[in-house]
Amino acid sequence: MMIRSRMFLQLALALIVGGAGYPSAGNAQSPTSQSQMENATNKAMVRRWIDEGFNKKAFNVVDEIFAETFAINGRLINREQLKQGMRRRLVAFPDLEVTIDEFVAERNLVGVWYTAKGTHRGEFEGIAPTGKKVTWFGFDLLQIRNGKVAQGRFIDDSLGLMRQLGASLSSPPPQGLRR
């Protein structure tokens, strides 16, 4: 009985102080907590792109967050091309404000559902400034590799935005009526 108590006491002490080859609870990091930390880091990176890049118009954040070249909707572009696209939006909507509605992160993917609002004060997609206040939404799914955005898939309510600006869709003329 005495030997059993003593062995139990030794085992308990070993578990408490992390000896006898057992990792201490303070030093162990579960895969779940590591994954949660990576997800939080990736989400913070994407939040910076939205907050600083669009809302504060600090385009240099693109250089810190995106890989030198990356794919957007399957098309390879570079950082300068992304900044040009951002500038076009901000020229058309100088008071643009992007609000993050939802974040989803898993593994190396970050999804962000957003709402964008702005006043149409500059040319946009061939439409002269209207002065209209517009709102549209979108979803971006970004893939992070080596701490940088390496790929993205962007969808937004372009049709709704264009309608708010007064654009209309017209069907092409029937085959026999083309000139």
C-alpha atoms as a PDB file:
ATOM      1  CA  MET A   1       0.000   0.000   0.000  1.00  0.00           C
ATOM      2  CA  MET A   2       2.829   2.368   0.877  1.00  0.00           C
ATOM      3  CA  ILE A   3       4.583   1.651  -2.432  1.00  0.00           C
ATOM      4  CA  ARG A   4       1.397   2.401  -4.394  1.00  0.00           C
ATOM      5  CA  SER A   5       0.900   5.710  -2.618  1.00  0.00           C
ATOM      6  CA  ARG A   6       4.467   6.658  -3.239  1.00  0.00           C
ATOM      7  CA  MET A   7       4.259   5.778  -6.986  1.00  0.00           C
ATOM      8  CA  PHE A   8       1.030   7.742  -7.282  1.00  0.00           C
ATOM      9  CA  LEU A   9       2.659  10.733  -5.585  1.00  0.00           C
ATOM     10  CA  GLN A  10       5.672  10.567  -7.934  1.00  0.00           C
ATOM     11  CA  LEU A  11       3.441  10.338 -11.000  1.00  0.00           C
ATOM     12  CA  ALA A  12       1.327  13.274  -9.811  1.00  0.00           C
ATOM     13  CA  LEU A  13       4.429  15.394  -9.169  1.00  0.00           C
ATOM     14  CA  ALA A  14       5.850  14.485 -12.567  1.00  0.00           C
ATOM     15  CA  LEU A  15       2.652  15.588 -14.270  1.00  0.00           C
ATOM     16  CA  ILE A  16       2.467  18.819 -12.277  1.00  0.00           C
ATOM     17  CA  VAL A  17       6.026  19.998 -12.885  1.00  0.00           C
ATOM     18  CA  GLY A  18       6.333  18.565 -16.384  1.00  0.00           C
ATOM     19  CA  GLY A  19       9.092  16.113 -15.589  1.00  0.00           C
ATOM     20  CA  ALA A  20       9.491  12.473 -16.579  1.00  0.00           C
ATOM     21  CA  GLY A  21       9.082  13.317 -20.252  1.00  0.00           C
ATOM     22  CA  TYR A  22       5.602  14.789 -19.872  1.00  0.00           C
ATOM     23  CA  PRO A  23       5.174  18.307 -21.300  1.00  0.00           C
ATOM     24  CA  SER A  24       3.834  20.790 -18.840  1.00  0.00           C
ATOM     25  CA  ALA A  25       0.413  22.260 -19.516  1.00  0.00           C
ATOM     26  CA  GLY A  26       1.979  25.726 -19.757  1.00  0.00           C
ATOM     27  CA  ASN A  27       4.372  24.705 -22.533  1.00  0.00           C
ATOM     28  CA  ALA A  28       1.984  22.678 -24.661  1.00  0.00           C
ATOM     29  CA  GLN A  29       0.240  24.446 -27.501  1.00  0.00           C
ATOM     30  CA  SER A  30      -2.604  22.501 -28.986  1.00  0.00           C
ATOM     31  CA  PRO A  31      -3.039  22.421 -32.740  1.00  0.00           C
ATOM     32  CA  THR A  32      -6.366  24.157 -32.223  1.00  0.00           C
ATOM     33  CA  SER A  33      -4.847  27.134 -30.405  1.00  0.00           C
ATOM     34  CA  GLN A  34      -2.076  27.408 -33.007  1.00  0.00           C
ATOM     35  CA  SER A  35      -4.667  27.338 -35.791  1.00  0.00           C
ATOM     36  CA  GLN A  36      -6.730  29.953 -33.965  1.00  0.00           C
ATOM     37  CA  MET A  37      -3.652  32.189 -33.698  1.00  0.00           C
ATOM     38  CA  GLU A  38      -2.926  31.807 -37.428  1.00  0.00           C
ATOM     39  CA  ASN A  39      -6.568  32.581 -38.242  1.00  0.00           C
ATOM     40  CA  ALA A  40      -6.456  35.694 -36.057  1.00  0.00           C
ATOM     41  CA  THR A  41      -3.196  36.842 -37.699  1.00  0.00           C
ATOM     42  CA  ASN A  42      -4.614  36.301 -41.192  1.00  0.00           C
ATOM     43  CA  LYS A  43      -7.843  38.113 -40.313  1.00  0.00           C
ATOM     44  CA  ALA A  44      -5.864  41.052 -38.897  1.00  0.00           C
ATOM     45  CA  MET A  45      -3.897  41.267 -42.156  1.00  0.00           C
ATOM     46  CA  VAL A  46      -7.080  41.407 -44.253  1.00  0.00           C
ATOM     47  CA  ARG A  47      -8.641  43.929 -41.853  1.00  0.00           C
ATOM     48  CA  ARG A  48      -5.564  46.166 -42.367  1.00  0.00           C
ATOM     49  CA  TRP A  49      -6.045  46.016 -46.130  1.00  0.00           C
ATOM     50  CA  ILE A  50      -9.659  47.177 -45.793  1.00  0.00           C
ATOM     51  CA  ASP A  51      -9.147  49.713 -43.001  1.00  0.00           C
ATOM     52  CA  GLU A  52      -5.873  51.251 -44.132  1.00  0.00           C
ATOM     53  CA  GLY A  53      -6.014  50.639 -47.881  1.00  0.00           C
ATOM     54  CA  PHE A  54      -9.569  51.733 -48.570  1.00  0.00           C
ATOM     55  CA  ASN A  55     -10.807  53.668 -45.555  1.00  0.00           C
ATOM     56  CA  LYS A  56      -7.559  55.563 -44.896  1.00  0.00           C
ATOM     57  CA  LYS A  57      -6.341  55.512 -48.522  1.00  0.00           C
ATOM     58  CA  ALA A  58      -2.912  54.196 -47.492  1.00  0.00           C
ATOM     59  CA  PHE A  59      -2.013  52.206 -50.601  1.00  0.00           C
ATOM     60  CA  ASN A  60       1.405  51.225 -49.237  1.00  0.00           C
ATOM     61  CA  VAL A  61      -0.362  48.585 -47.125  1.00  0.00           C
ATOM     62  CA  VAL A  62      -0.719  46.559 -50.345  1.00  0.00           C
ATOM     63  CA  ASP A  63       3.089  46.200 -50.486  1.00  0.00           C
ATOM     64  CA  GLU A  64       3.122  44.779 -46.969  1.00  0.00           C
ATOM     65  CA  ILE A  65       0.171  42.416 -47.304  1.00  0.00           C
ATOM     66  CA  PHE A  66       0.159  41.070 -50.871  1.00  0.00           C
ATOM     67  CA  ALA A  67       2.722  38.873 -52.616  1.00  0.00           C
ATOM     68  CA  GLU A  68       4.686  40.512 -55.464  1.00  0.00           C
ATOM     69  CA  THR A  69       2.369  38.831 -57.978  1.00  0.00           C
ATOM     70  CA  PHE A  70      -0.872  37.104 -57.093  1.00  0.00           C
ATOM     71  CA  ALA A  71      -4.025  35.824 -58.736  1.00  0.00           C
ATOM     72  CA  ILE A  72      -7.359  37.631 -58.537  1.00  0.00           C
ATOM     73  CA  ASN A  73     -10.245  35.622 -59.950  1.00  0.00           C
ATOM     74  CA  GLY A  74      -7.699  33.503 -61.812  1.00  0.00           C
ATOM     75  CA  ARG A  75      -5.843  36.448 -63.394  1.00  0.00           C
ATOM     76  CA  LEU A  76      -2.237  37.167 -62.383  1.00  0.00           C
ATOM     77  CA  ILE A  77      -1.652  40.767 -61.353  1.00  0.00           C
ATOM     78  CA  ASN A  78       0.950  42.655 -59.353  1.00  0.00           C
ATOM     79  CA  ARG A  79       0.724  45.064 -56.448  1.00  0.00           C
ATOM     80  CA  GLU A  80       0.727  48.172 -58.648  1.00  0.00           C
ATOM     81  CA  GLN A  81      -2.224  46.876 -60.630  1.00  0.00           C
ATOM     82  CA  LEU A  82      -4.164  46.271 -57.414  1.00  0.00           C
ATOM     83  CA  LYS A  83      -3.337  49.785 -56.196  1.00  0.00           C
ATOM     84  CA  GLN A  84      -4.502  51.222 -59.537  1.00  0.00           C
ATOM     85  CA  GLY A  85      -7.816  49.393 -59.146  1.00  0.00           C
ATOM     86  CA  MET A  86      -8.187  50.727 -55.624  1.00  0.00           C
ATOM     87  CA  ARG A  87      -7.383  54.274 -56.817  1.00  0.00           C
ATOM     88  CA  ARG A  88     -10.026  54.044 -59.566  1.00  0.00           C
ATOM     89  CA  ARG A  89     -12.647  53.183 -56.951  1.00  0.00           C
ATOM     90  CA  LEU A  90     -11.503  55.975 -54.667  1.00  0.00           C
ATOM     91  CA  VAL A  91     -11.462  58.549 -57.483  1.00  0.00           C
ATOM     92  CA  ALA A  92     -15.004  57.552 -58.405  1.00  0.00           C
ATOM     93  CA  PHE A  93     -16.105  57.426 -54.751  1.00  0.00           C
ATOM     94  CA  PRO A  94     -13.740  59.720 -52.782  1.00  0.00           C
ATOM     95  CA  ASP A  95     -15.697  59.273 -49.546  1.00  0.00           C
ATOM     96  CA  LEU A  96     -15.705  55.479 -49.906  1.00  0.00           C
ATOM     97  CA  GLU A  97     -16.165  53.662 -46.619  1.00  0.00           C
ATOM     98  CA  VAL A  98     -15.878  49.889 -46.445  1.00  0.00           C
ATOM     99  CA  THR A  99     -17.374  48.126 -43.435  1.00  0.00           C
ATOM    100  CA  ILE A 100     -16.515  44.535 -42.616  1.00  0.00           C
ATOM    101  CA  ASP A 101     -19.742  42.713 -41.844  1.00  0.00           C
ATOM    102  CA  GLU A 102     -18.413  39.178 -41.302  1.00  0.00           C
ATOM    103  CA  PHE A 103     -15.086  37.370 -41.183  1.00  0.00           C
ATOM    104  CA  VAL A 104     -14.460  33.684 -41.704  1.00  0.00           C
ATOM    105  CA  ALA A 105     -11.013  32.147 -41.403  1.00  0.00           C
ATOM    106  CA  GLU A 106      -9.909  28.571 -41.745  1.00  0.00           C
ATOM    107  CA  ARG A 107      -6.468  27.196 -42.494  1.00  0.00           C
ATOM    108  CA  ASN A 108      -4.869  29.698 -44.885  1.00  0.00           C
ATOM    109  CA  LEU A 109      -8.162  31.175 -46.149  1.00  0.00           C
ATOM    110  CA  VAL A 110      -9.868  34.368 -45.022  1.00  0.00           C
ATOM    111  CA  GLY A 111     -13.322  35.305 -46.204  1.00  0.00           C
ATOM    112  CA  VAL A 112     -14.606  38.817 -45.673  1.00  0.00           C
ATOM    113  CA  TRP A 113     -18.183  39.941 -46.321  1.00  0.00           C
ATOM    114  CA  TYR A 114     -18.294  43.732 -46.623  1.00  0.00           C
ATOM    115  CA  THR A 115     -20.552  46.679 -47.333  1.00  0.00           C
ATOM    116  CA  ALA A 116     -19.212  49.674 -49.281  1.00  0.00           C
ATOM    117  CA  LYS A 117     -20.776  53.128 -49.336  1.00  0.00           C
ATOM    118  CA  GLY A 118     -19.765  56.247 -51.206  1.00  0.00           C
ATOM    119  CA  THR A 119     -20.818  59.229 -53.268  1.00  0.00           C
ATOM    120  CA  HIS A 120     -20.277  59.007 -57.029  1.00  0.00           C
ATOM    121  CA  ARG A 121     -18.057  62.045 -57.655  1.00  0.00           C
ATOM    122  CA  GLY A 122     -15.767  60.746 -60.409  1.00  0.00           C
ATOM    123  CA  GLU A 123     -16.065  58.707 -63.595  1.00  0.00           C
ATOM    124  CA  PHE A 124     -16.719  55.026 -62.930  1.00  0.00           C
ATOM    125  CA  GLU A 125     -16.894  52.332 -65.598  1.00  0.00           C
ATOM    126  CA  GLY A 126     -17.719  54.933 -68.245  1.00  0.00           C
ATOM    127  CA  ILE A 127     -20.429  56.613 -66.166  1.00  0.00           C
ATOM    128  CA  ALA A 128     -19.947  60.331 -65.550  1.00  0.00           C
ATOM    129  CA  PRO A 129     -20.267  61.513 -61.908  1.00  0.00           C
ATOM    130  CA  THR A 130     -23.878  61.522 -60.721  1.00  0.00           C
ATOM    131  CA  GLY A 131     -23.487  62.760 -57.150  1.00  0.00           C
ATOM    132  CA  LYS A 132     -25.563  59.779 -56.012  1.00  0.00           C
ATOM    133  CA  LYS A 133     -24.880  58.089 -52.708  1.00  0.00           C
ATOM    134  CA  VAL A 134     -24.570  54.368 -53.354  1.00  0.00           C
ATOM    135  CA  THR A 135     -24.203  51.200 -51.321  1.00  0.00           C
ATOM    136  CA  TRP A 136     -23.031  47.806 -52.504  1.00  0.00           C
ATOM    137  CA  PHE A 137     -21.756  44.623 -50.923  1.00  0.00           C
ATOM    138  CA  GLY A 138     -19.268  41.933 -51.724  1.00  0.00           C
ATOM    139  CA  PHE A 139     -17.320  38.936 -50.557  1.00  0.00           C
ATOM    140  CA  ASP A 140     -13.572  38.379 -50.924  1.00  0.00           C
ATOM    141  CA  LEU A 141     -11.956  35.003 -50.298  1.00  0.00           C
ATOM    142  CA  LEU A 142      -8.214  35.414 -49.835  1.00  0.00           C
ATOM    143  CA  GLN A 143      -5.564  32.720 -49.651  1.00  0.00           C
ATOM    144  CA  ILE A 144      -2.524  33.468 -47.486  1.00  0.00           C
ATOM    145  CA  ARG A 145       0.856  31.879 -48.254  1.00  0.00           C
ATOM    146  CA  ASN A 146       4.098  32.709 -46.454  1.00  0.00           C
ATOM    147  CA  GLY A 147       2.423  35.597 -44.617  1.00  0.00           C
ATOM    148  CA  LYS A 148       1.162  37.323 -47.812  1.00  0.00           C
ATOM    149  CA  VAL A 149      -2.042  37.278 -49.831  1.00  0.00           C
ATOM    150  CA  ALA A 150      -1.252  34.982 -52.759  1.00  0.00           C
ATOM    151  CA  GLN A 151      -4.670  34.592 -54.317  1.00  0.00           C
ATOM    152  CA  GLY A 152      -8.119  36.086 -54.107  1.00  0.00           C
ATOM    153  CA  ARG A 153     -11.600  35.590 -55.416  1.00  0.00           C
ATOM    154  CA  PHE A 154     -13.724  38.715 -55.394  1.00  0.00           C
ATOM    155  CA  ILE A 155     -17.442  38.966 -55.986  1.00  0.00           C
ATOM    156  CA  ASP A 156     -19.599  42.028 -55.517  1.00  0.00           C
ATOM    157  CA  ASP A 157     -22.965  43.467 -56.390  1.00  0.00           C
ATOM    158  CA  SER A 158     -21.719  45.248 -59.510  1.00  0.00           C
ATOM    159  CA  LEU A 159     -25.127  45.038 -61.150  1.00  0.00           C
ATOM    160  CA  GLY A 160     -26.792  46.695 -58.149  1.00  0.00           C
ATOM    161  CA  LEU A 161     -24.096  49.378 -58.069  1.00  0.00           C
ATOM    162  CA  MET A 162     -24.459  50.139 -61.776  1.00  0.00           C
ATOM    163  CA  ARG A 163     -28.242  50.348 -61.434  1.00  0.00           C
ATOM    164  CA  GLN A 164     -27.861  52.834 -58.574  1.00  0.00           C
ATOM    165  CA  LEU A 165     -25.688  54.936 -60.889  1.00  0.00           C
ATOM    166  CA  GLY A 166     -28.419  54.905 -63.541  1.00  0.00           C
ATOM    167  CA  ALA A 167     -26.879  52.394 -65.928  1.00  0.00           C
ATOM    168  CA  SER A 168     -29.208  50.063 -67.742  1.00  0.00           C
ATOM    169  CA  LEU A 169     -28.571  46.757 -69.378  1.00  0.00           C
ATOM    170  CA  SER A 170     -29.573  46.342 -72.952  1.00  0.00           C
ATOM    171  CA  SER A 171     -29.628  43.153 -74.916  1.00  0.00           C
ATOM    172  CA  PRO A 172     -27.628  42.971 -78.099  1.00  0.00           C
ATOM    173  CA  PRO A 173     -29.763  43.330 -81.211  1.00  0.00           C
ATOM    174  CA  PRO A 174     -31.012  40.082 -82.767  1.00  0.00           C
ATOM    175  CA  GLN A 175     -28.626  38.504 -85.285  1.00  0.00           C
ATOM    176  CA  GLY A 176     -30.604  39.555 -88.361  1.00  0.00           C
ATOM    177  CA  LEU A 177     -30.807  43.225 -87.300  1.00  0.00           C
ATOM    178  CA  ARG A 178     -27.120  43.896 -86.767  1.00  0.00           C
ATOM    179  CA  ARG A 179     -25.521  46.356 -89.121  1.00  0.00           C
END
